[in-house]
Structures are given as C-alpha cells and as structure tokens.
C-alpha cells in the first residue's frame, strides 16, 4: 500500500491551500505538480485532456467529500471555487494529529504537499498549464494515462 492510499493527498492538498482552491482545473494541476515534482511513489493517475493532465479520480473524491460535508464547490461562478467547510477543517485537524502520531511517513507526505502549494498555489490554472512539465504531459495522446 502506498502512502497516497492512506494519506489522502487530495484532501490534504485542499487543507494545505488554506481550505480554498480557485477552480477544479487548478486543483487538477496542483495534484499533477505534487505527483510529478514531489511524490516518490503515487497512486494518483493522470490522463491527458485538452488543458493538460487531469486526475480522473478527483471528481469522485470531491463528491465523496461534499457528501460527507468536508468541502463545498461554488458552481454558480467560473472558476468553480472549492472550499473546505468548518467540518472539513475539524476533520483535517484531528486526522493530521492522529496521522502524525501513528504514521511516520505522513509528515513527509504533508511536507511534500506543502512544498507544492508554496511553489504553485499562487499561480492561476492558466499559468500552471504554461509550465514545462504540463506542456510535456500535453504532448501525449488525448485520454492516454500519463506515467
């Protein structure tokens, strides 16, 4: 079992982004940058879509988090704002405290995700699409899984 399977990087990434990500496209690109630049081994998979790498599991994970009351997505405006709820903040606080005590590798995953957010979090999705690693991924055939 890889760290991603037990560390929930999609949820940790939102928490490290201060509970707010400006749109789903940016969420996808932040996850891609985490997997591409920081993660040694990841279960996150990406396929090539029109605007670059896309995590096909993110939509399903987001719906689970919405159903659990951990996040909200503002659908009325573009880009769709992704927000961590108060319940999500409480959940992540307890989750991180427990994981830090029980799982030594969690601290490293959290630090890697924090590095990604610090490096790319202030960029727009468009700016991230223009980066070299995303452009390289866009050279793959559409809908092809990226390695």
N, C-alpha and C. Protein backbone atom coordinates (compact mmCIF):
# COMPACT_ATOMS: atom_id res chain seq x y z
N UNK A 1 0.84 -1.17 0.00
CA UNK A 1 0.00 0.00 0.00
C UNK A 1 0.89 1.24 0.00
N UNK A 2 0.65 2.17 -0.94
CA UNK A 2 1.45 3.38 -1.00
C UNK A 2 0.92 4.42 -0.01
N UNK A 3 1.74 5.41 0.23
CA UNK A 3 1.35 6.48 1.15
C UNK A 3 0.08 7.19 0.67
N UNK A 4 -0.05 7.36 -0.65
CA UNK A 4 -1.23 8.05 -1.17
C UNK A 4 -2.52 7.35 -0.80
N UNK A 5 -2.48 6.03 -0.73
CA UNK A 5 -3.69 5.28 -0.40
C UNK A 5 -4.13 5.53 1.04
N UNK A 6 -3.20 5.86 1.90
CA UNK A 6 -3.54 6.07 3.31
C UNK A 6 -3.44 7.52 3.74
N UNK A 7 -2.87 8.40 2.90
CA UNK A 7 -2.65 9.79 3.29
C UNK A 7 -3.64 10.77 2.66
N UNK A 8 -4.46 10.35 1.75
CA UNK A 8 -5.50 11.18 1.12
C UNK A 8 -4.95 12.52 0.61
N UNK A 9 -4.05 12.50 -0.36
CA UNK A 9 -3.41 13.74 -0.81
C UNK A 9 -4.39 14.77 -1.37
N UNK A 10 -5.50 14.33 -1.94
CA UNK A 10 -6.46 15.31 -2.48
C UNK A 10 -7.02 16.18 -1.37
N UNK A 11 -7.33 15.57 -0.24
CA UNK A 11 -7.89 16.30 0.89
C UNK A 11 -6.81 17.10 1.62
N UNK A 12 -5.63 16.54 1.76
CA UNK A 12 -4.52 17.25 2.41
C UNK A 12 -4.13 18.47 1.58
N UNK A 13 -4.16 18.34 0.26
CA UNK A 13 -3.82 19.46 -0.61
C UNK A 13 -4.77 20.63 -0.39
N UNK A 14 -6.05 20.37 -0.32
CA UNK A 14 -7.03 21.44 -0.07
C UNK A 14 -6.76 22.09 1.28
N UNK A 15 -6.48 21.30 2.28
CA UNK A 15 -6.19 21.83 3.61
C UNK A 15 -4.92 22.69 3.59
N UNK A 16 -3.88 22.23 2.92
CA UNK A 16 -2.63 22.99 2.83
C UNK A 16 -2.80 24.29 2.03
N UNK A 17 -3.80 24.33 1.17
CA UNK A 17 -4.09 25.54 0.39
C UNK A 17 -5.03 26.46 1.18
N UNK A 18 -4.97 26.36 2.49
CA UNK A 18 -5.81 27.16 3.40
C UNK A 18 -7.30 26.96 3.14
N UNK A 19 -7.65 25.75 2.68
CA UNK A 19 -9.05 25.40 2.51
C UNK A 19 -9.72 26.03 1.31
N UNK A 20 -8.94 26.55 0.36
CA UNK A 20 -9.53 27.23 -0.80
C UNK A 20 -8.67 27.02 -2.04
N UNK A 21 -9.30 26.54 -3.11
CA UNK A 21 -8.63 26.41 -4.41
C UNK A 21 -9.55 27.04 -5.45
N UNK A 22 -8.99 27.91 -6.28
CA UNK A 22 -9.77 28.64 -7.29
C UNK A 22 -10.01 27.78 -8.52
N UNK A 23 -10.93 26.85 -8.42
CA UNK A 23 -11.35 26.09 -9.58
C UNK A 23 -10.81 24.68 -9.65
N UNK A 24 -11.57 23.86 -10.35
CA UNK A 24 -11.19 22.45 -10.49
C UNK A 24 -9.94 22.27 -11.34
N UNK A 25 -9.79 23.11 -12.37
CA UNK A 25 -8.60 22.98 -13.24
C UNK A 25 -7.34 23.20 -12.41
N UNK A 26 -7.37 24.19 -11.52
CA UNK A 26 -6.21 24.45 -10.68
C UNK A 26 -5.98 23.29 -9.72
N UNK A 27 -7.06 22.72 -9.19
CA UNK A 27 -6.95 21.56 -8.29
C UNK A 27 -6.23 20.41 -9.02
N UNK A 28 -6.64 20.15 -10.26
CA UNK A 28 -6.01 19.09 -11.06
C UNK A 28 -4.52 19.38 -11.27
N UNK A 29 -4.19 20.62 -11.60
CA UNK A 29 -2.79 20.97 -11.87
C UNK A 29 -1.94 20.92 -10.61
N UNK A 30 -2.51 21.34 -9.46
CA UNK A 30 -1.76 21.23 -8.20
C UNK A 30 -1.47 19.77 -7.88
N UNK A 31 -2.46 18.91 -8.05
CA UNK A 31 -2.25 17.48 -7.81
C UNK A 31 -1.20 16.91 -8.76
N UNK A 32 -1.27 17.32 -10.03
CA UNK A 32 -0.28 16.84 -11.00
C UNK A 32 1.12 17.29 -10.59
N UNK A 33 1.27 18.54 -10.20
CA UNK A 33 2.59 19.04 -9.78
C UNK A 33 3.08 18.31 -8.54
N UNK A 34 2.19 18.01 -7.61
CA UNK A 34 2.59 17.21 -6.44
C UNK A 34 3.12 15.85 -6.90
N UNK A 35 2.34 15.16 -7.74
CA UNK A 35 2.73 13.82 -8.19
C UNK A 35 4.01 13.87 -9.04
N UNK A 36 4.14 14.88 -9.88
CA UNK A 36 5.26 14.98 -10.80
C UNK A 36 6.55 15.44 -10.13
N UNK A 37 6.44 16.39 -9.20
CA UNK A 37 7.64 17.01 -8.64
C UNK A 37 8.02 16.52 -7.24
N UNK A 38 7.04 16.08 -6.46
CA UNK A 38 7.31 15.83 -5.05
C UNK A 38 7.17 14.36 -4.62
N UNK A 39 6.17 13.68 -5.13
CA UNK A 39 5.87 12.33 -4.65
C UNK A 39 6.86 11.31 -5.21
N UNK A 40 7.42 10.48 -4.34
CA UNK A 40 8.30 9.41 -4.79
C UNK A 40 7.50 8.33 -5.50
N UNK A 41 6.39 7.98 -4.90
CA UNK A 41 5.51 6.93 -5.41
C UNK A 41 4.09 7.40 -5.17
N UNK A 42 3.23 7.27 -6.16
CA UNK A 42 1.87 7.77 -6.01
C UNK A 42 0.87 6.84 -6.67
N UNK A 43 -0.33 6.79 -6.09
CA UNK A 43 -1.42 6.05 -6.73
C UNK A 43 -2.29 7.00 -7.54
N UNK A 44 -2.00 8.29 -7.48
CA UNK A 44 -2.74 9.24 -8.30
C UNK A 44 -2.41 8.96 -9.76
N UNK A 45 -3.43 8.90 -10.58
CA UNK A 45 -3.20 8.70 -12.02
C UNK A 45 -3.73 9.91 -12.75
N UNK A 46 -3.11 10.20 -13.88
CA UNK A 46 -3.50 11.34 -14.68
C UNK A 46 -3.62 10.91 -16.12
N UNK A 47 -4.58 11.52 -16.81
CA UNK A 47 -4.73 11.31 -18.24
C UNK A 47 -4.58 12.67 -18.90
N UNK A 48 -4.24 12.64 -20.16
CA UNK A 48 -4.07 13.89 -20.90
C UNK A 48 -5.43 14.34 -21.40
N UNK A 49 -5.80 15.55 -21.04
CA UNK A 49 -7.02 16.19 -21.52
C UNK A 49 -6.63 17.46 -22.25
N UNK A 50 -7.62 18.18 -22.74
CA UNK A 50 -7.36 19.37 -23.55
C UNK A 50 -6.45 20.38 -22.85
N UNK A 51 -6.67 20.63 -21.57
CA UNK A 51 -5.87 21.62 -20.83
C UNK A 51 -4.76 20.98 -20.02
N UNK A 52 -4.37 19.77 -20.39
CA UNK A 52 -3.24 19.14 -19.72
C UNK A 52 -3.65 17.99 -18.82
N UNK A 53 -2.79 17.64 -17.89
CA UNK A 53 -3.03 16.49 -17.01
C UNK A 53 -4.31 16.64 -16.19
N UNK A 54 -5.02 15.56 -16.09
CA UNK A 54 -6.33 15.53 -15.42
C UNK A 54 -6.37 14.29 -14.54
N UNK A 55 -6.78 14.46 -13.28
CA UNK A 55 -6.91 13.34 -12.34
C UNK A 55 -8.34 12.81 -12.41
N UNK A 56 -8.57 11.66 -13.08
CA UNK A 56 -9.94 11.15 -13.21
C UNK A 56 -10.59 10.78 -11.88
N UNK A 57 -9.81 10.57 -10.84
CA UNK A 57 -10.38 10.22 -9.54
C UNK A 57 -10.79 11.43 -8.71
N UNK A 58 -10.40 12.64 -9.13
CA UNK A 58 -10.68 13.83 -8.32
C UNK A 58 -12.18 14.12 -8.23
N UNK A 59 -12.91 14.02 -9.32
CA UNK A 59 -14.35 14.33 -9.28
C UNK A 59 -15.09 13.41 -8.32
N UNK A 60 -14.78 12.13 -8.38
CA UNK A 60 -15.42 11.17 -7.48
C UNK A 60 -15.02 11.45 -6.02
N UNK A 61 -13.76 11.73 -5.79
CA UNK A 61 -13.31 12.04 -4.43
C UNK A 61 -13.98 13.31 -3.92
N UNK A 62 -14.06 14.34 -4.78
CA UNK A 62 -14.71 15.58 -4.37
C UNK A 62 -16.17 15.34 -4.02
N UNK A 63 -16.86 14.52 -4.79
CA UNK A 63 -18.27 14.24 -4.49
C UNK A 63 -18.40 13.54 -3.14
N UNK A 64 -17.49 12.62 -2.84
CA UNK A 64 -17.49 11.97 -1.52
C UNK A 64 -17.28 13.00 -0.42
N UNK A 65 -16.33 13.90 -0.61
CA UNK A 65 -16.04 14.92 0.40
C UNK A 65 -17.23 15.87 0.56
N UNK A 66 -17.90 16.20 -0.53
CA UNK A 66 -19.10 17.05 -0.46
C UNK A 66 -20.20 16.32 0.31
N UNK A 67 -20.42 15.04 -0.03
CA UNK A 67 -21.44 14.24 0.65
C UNK A 67 -21.16 14.12 2.15
N UNK A 68 -19.90 14.08 2.53
CA UNK A 68 -19.51 13.99 3.94
C UNK A 68 -19.51 15.36 4.62
N UNK A 69 -19.71 16.41 3.85
CA UNK A 69 -19.74 17.76 4.40
C UNK A 69 -18.35 18.34 4.66
N UNK A 70 -17.33 17.79 4.00
CA UNK A 70 -15.96 18.26 4.23
C UNK A 70 -15.57 19.39 3.30
N UNK A 71 -16.27 19.54 2.18
CA UNK A 71 -15.99 20.62 1.22
C UNK A 71 -17.25 21.05 0.52
N UNK A 72 -17.21 22.25 -0.02
CA UNK A 72 -18.27 22.79 -0.87
C UNK A 72 -17.63 23.24 -2.17
N UNK A 73 -18.42 23.20 -3.25
CA UNK A 73 -17.97 23.73 -4.53
C UNK A 73 -19.01 24.75 -4.98
N UNK A 74 -18.53 25.97 -5.24
CA UNK A 74 -19.41 27.04 -5.71
C UNK A 74 -19.58 26.87 -7.22
N UNK A 75 -20.74 26.38 -7.61
CA UNK A 75 -20.99 26.06 -9.02
C UNK A 75 -21.50 27.26 -9.82
N UNK A 76 -21.90 28.34 -9.13
CA UNK A 76 -22.53 29.47 -9.81
C UNK A 76 -21.57 30.33 -10.61
N UNK A 77 -20.29 30.30 -10.26
CA UNK A 77 -19.32 31.16 -10.91
C UNK A 77 -18.19 30.32 -11.51
N UNK A 78 -17.52 30.91 -12.49
CA UNK A 78 -16.33 30.30 -13.07
C UNK A 78 -15.12 31.06 -12.58
N UNK A 79 -14.06 30.48 -12.15
CA UNK A 79 -13.93 29.05 -11.94
C UNK A 79 -14.71 28.61 -10.70
N UNK A 80 -15.08 27.34 -10.67
CA UNK A 80 -15.81 26.78 -9.53
C UNK A 80 -14.90 26.78 -8.31
N UNK A 81 -15.22 27.63 -7.34
CA UNK A 81 -14.41 27.75 -6.13
C UNK A 81 -14.59 26.49 -5.27
N UNK A 82 -13.49 25.91 -4.83
CA UNK A 82 -13.51 24.74 -3.96
C UNK A 82 -13.13 25.21 -2.56
N UNK A 83 -14.02 24.98 -1.60
CA UNK A 83 -13.82 25.47 -0.23
C UNK A 83 -13.93 24.32 0.77
N UNK A 84 -13.03 24.31 1.71
CA UNK A 84 -13.12 23.37 2.83
C UNK A 84 -14.15 23.94 3.82
N UNK A 85 -15.04 23.10 4.30
CA UNK A 85 -16.04 23.54 5.27
C UNK A 85 -15.45 23.56 6.68
N UNK A 86 -16.21 24.13 7.62
CA UNK A 86 -15.78 24.11 9.03
C UNK A 86 -15.64 22.66 9.50
N UNK A 87 -16.57 21.80 9.06
CA UNK A 87 -16.48 20.38 9.41
C UNK A 87 -15.21 19.77 8.82
N UNK A 88 -14.88 20.17 7.58
CA UNK A 88 -13.66 19.69 6.94
C UNK A 88 -12.41 20.13 7.69
N UNK A 89 -12.41 21.36 8.20
CA UNK A 89 -11.28 21.85 8.98
C UNK A 89 -11.12 21.05 10.27
N UNK A 90 -12.24 20.78 10.95
CA UNK A 90 -12.18 19.99 12.19
C UNK A 90 -11.70 18.57 11.89
N UNK A 91 -12.23 17.99 10.81
CA UNK A 91 -11.83 16.64 10.43
C UNK A 91 -10.33 16.58 10.15
N UNK A 92 -9.83 17.53 9.35
CA UNK A 92 -8.41 17.52 8.99
C UNK A 92 -7.52 17.76 10.20
N UNK A 93 -7.97 18.57 11.12
CA UNK A 93 -7.20 18.82 12.34
C UNK A 93 -7.00 17.51 13.12
N UNK A 94 -8.08 16.79 13.33
CA UNK A 94 -8.00 15.51 14.04
C UNK A 94 -7.25 14.46 13.24
N UNK A 95 -7.52 14.39 11.94
CA UNK A 95 -6.87 13.42 11.07
C UNK A 95 -5.36 13.62 11.09
N UNK A 96 -4.92 14.87 10.93
CA UNK A 96 -3.49 15.14 10.89
C UNK A 96 -2.82 14.86 12.23
N UNK A 97 -3.47 15.20 13.33
CA UNK A 97 -2.90 14.90 14.64
C UNK A 97 -2.71 13.39 14.81
N UNK A 98 -3.73 12.63 14.43
CA UNK A 98 -3.64 11.17 14.56
C UNK A 98 -2.57 10.59 13.63
N UNK A 99 -2.56 11.04 12.37
CA UNK A 99 -1.59 10.51 11.40
C UNK A 99 -0.16 10.86 11.80
N UNK A 100 0.05 12.04 12.35
CA UNK A 100 1.40 12.44 12.78
C UNK A 100 1.91 11.52 13.89
N UNK A 101 1.02 11.08 14.75
CA UNK A 101 1.41 10.20 15.86
C UNK A 101 1.58 8.75 15.43
N UNK A 102 0.75 8.31 14.50
CA UNK A 102 0.69 6.89 14.18
C UNK A 102 1.44 6.48 12.91
N UNK A 103 1.74 7.44 12.04
CA UNK A 103 2.31 7.11 10.73
C UNK A 103 3.48 8.06 10.45
N UNK A 104 4.68 7.56 10.62
CA UNK A 104 5.86 8.40 10.46
C UNK A 104 5.99 8.99 9.06
N UNK A 105 5.52 8.29 8.05
CA UNK A 105 5.67 8.78 6.68
C UNK A 105 4.68 9.89 6.33
N UNK A 106 3.65 10.07 7.14
CA UNK A 106 2.66 11.12 6.85
C UNK A 106 3.30 12.50 6.89
N UNK A 107 4.20 12.74 7.82
CA UNK A 107 4.86 14.04 7.93
C UNK A 107 5.55 14.40 6.61
N UNK A 108 6.19 13.41 5.98
CA UNK A 108 6.88 13.64 4.70
C UNK A 108 5.88 13.95 3.59
N UNK A 109 4.77 13.21 3.53
CA UNK A 109 3.74 13.48 2.53
C UNK A 109 3.20 14.89 2.70
N UNK A 110 2.89 15.26 3.92
CA UNK A 110 2.35 16.59 4.21
C UNK A 110 3.35 17.68 3.80
N UNK A 111 4.62 17.46 4.07
CA UNK A 111 5.65 18.44 3.70
C UNK A 111 5.76 18.56 2.18
N UNK A 112 5.67 17.45 1.49
CA UNK A 112 5.74 17.48 0.01
C UNK A 112 4.55 18.23 -0.58
N UNK A 113 3.39 17.99 -0.02
CA UNK A 113 2.19 18.71 -0.49
C UNK A 113 2.33 20.19 -0.16
N UNK A 114 2.82 20.52 1.02
CA UNK A 114 3.05 21.92 1.40
C UNK A 114 4.02 22.58 0.41
N UNK A 115 5.08 21.88 0.03
CA UNK A 115 6.04 22.42 -0.95
C UNK A 115 5.35 22.73 -2.28
N UNK A 116 4.48 21.84 -2.71
CA UNK A 116 3.75 22.06 -3.96
C UNK A 116 2.88 23.29 -3.86
N UNK A 117 2.15 23.43 -2.76
CA UNK A 117 1.26 24.58 -2.58
C UNK A 117 2.08 25.87 -2.50
N UNK A 118 3.21 25.84 -1.81
CA UNK A 118 4.04 27.04 -1.72
C UNK A 118 4.60 27.43 -3.08
N UNK A 119 4.96 26.45 -3.88
CA UNK A 119 5.56 26.73 -5.19
C UNK A 119 4.52 27.14 -6.22
N UNK A 120 3.35 26.51 -6.19
CA UNK A 120 2.37 26.71 -7.27
C UNK A 120 1.04 27.32 -6.82
N UNK A 121 0.80 27.42 -5.53
CA UNK A 121 -0.52 27.82 -5.04
C UNK A 121 -0.97 29.21 -5.44
N UNK A 122 -0.03 30.13 -5.65
CA UNK A 122 -0.40 31.49 -6.03
C UNK A 122 -0.59 31.65 -7.53
N UNK A 123 -0.30 30.61 -8.27
CA UNK A 123 -0.45 30.67 -9.73
C UNK A 123 -1.89 30.34 -10.13
N UNK A 124 -2.30 30.87 -11.25
CA UNK A 124 -3.61 30.51 -11.79
C UNK A 124 -3.48 29.18 -12.53
N UNK A 125 -4.61 28.57 -12.83
CA UNK A 125 -4.59 27.32 -13.60
C UNK A 125 -3.92 27.56 -14.95
N UNK A 126 -4.20 28.71 -15.57
CA UNK A 126 -3.60 29.03 -16.88
C UNK A 126 -2.09 29.13 -16.79
N UNK A 127 -1.59 29.74 -15.72
CA UNK A 127 -0.14 29.83 -15.55
C UNK A 127 0.47 28.45 -15.37
N UNK A 128 -0.21 27.58 -14.63
CA UNK A 128 0.32 26.22 -14.45
C UNK A 128 0.29 25.43 -15.75
N UNK A 129 -0.72 25.66 -16.57
CA UNK A 129 -0.81 24.97 -17.87
C UNK A 129 0.38 25.33 -18.74
N UNK A 130 0.88 26.56 -18.60
CA UNK A 130 2.01 27.01 -19.41
C UNK A 130 3.36 26.47 -18.94
N UNK A 131 3.42 25.83 -17.79
CA UNK A 131 4.68 25.32 -17.27
C UNK A 131 5.18 24.13 -18.09
N UNK A 132 6.48 23.95 -18.09
CA UNK A 132 7.13 22.95 -18.94
C UNK A 132 6.62 21.53 -18.68
N UNK A 133 6.48 21.15 -17.40
CA UNK A 133 6.06 19.77 -17.12
C UNK A 133 4.63 19.51 -17.61
N UNK A 134 3.77 20.50 -17.53
CA UNK A 134 2.40 20.34 -18.02
C UNK A 134 2.40 20.31 -19.55
N UNK A 135 3.21 21.16 -20.17
CA UNK A 135 3.30 21.15 -21.63
C UNK A 135 3.85 19.81 -22.13
N UNK A 136 4.83 19.25 -21.42
CA UNK A 136 5.35 17.93 -21.79
C UNK A 136 4.24 16.88 -21.71
N UNK A 137 3.42 16.94 -20.65
CA UNK A 137 2.32 15.98 -20.50
C UNK A 137 1.28 16.15 -21.59
N UNK A 138 1.10 17.39 -22.06
CA UNK A 138 0.12 17.66 -23.11
C UNK A 138 0.54 17.08 -24.46
N UNK A 139 1.78 16.69 -24.59
CA UNK A 139 2.25 16.12 -25.85
C UNK A 139 1.81 14.66 -26.01
N UNK A 140 1.27 14.06 -24.96
CA UNK A 140 0.75 12.70 -25.04
C UNK A 140 -0.60 12.71 -25.75
N UNK A 141 -1.01 11.56 -26.30
CA UNK A 141 -2.33 11.49 -26.93
C UNK A 141 -3.45 11.76 -25.93
N UNK A 142 -4.55 12.33 -26.42
CA UNK A 142 -5.71 12.61 -25.57
C UNK A 142 -6.17 11.35 -24.87
N UNK A 143 -6.56 11.49 -23.61
CA UNK A 143 -7.11 10.44 -22.76
C UNK A 143 -6.13 9.32 -22.44
N UNK A 144 -4.86 9.50 -22.83
CA UNK A 144 -3.84 8.49 -22.52
C UNK A 144 -3.36 8.71 -21.10
N UNK A 145 -3.23 7.60 -20.37
CA UNK A 145 -2.72 7.69 -19.00
C UNK A 145 -1.27 8.13 -19.03
N UNK A 146 -0.95 9.09 -18.16
CA UNK A 146 0.40 9.63 -18.10
C UNK A 146 1.21 8.85 -17.09
N UNK A 147 2.44 8.63 -17.38
CA UNK A 147 3.35 7.89 -16.47
C UNK A 147 4.22 8.85 -15.73
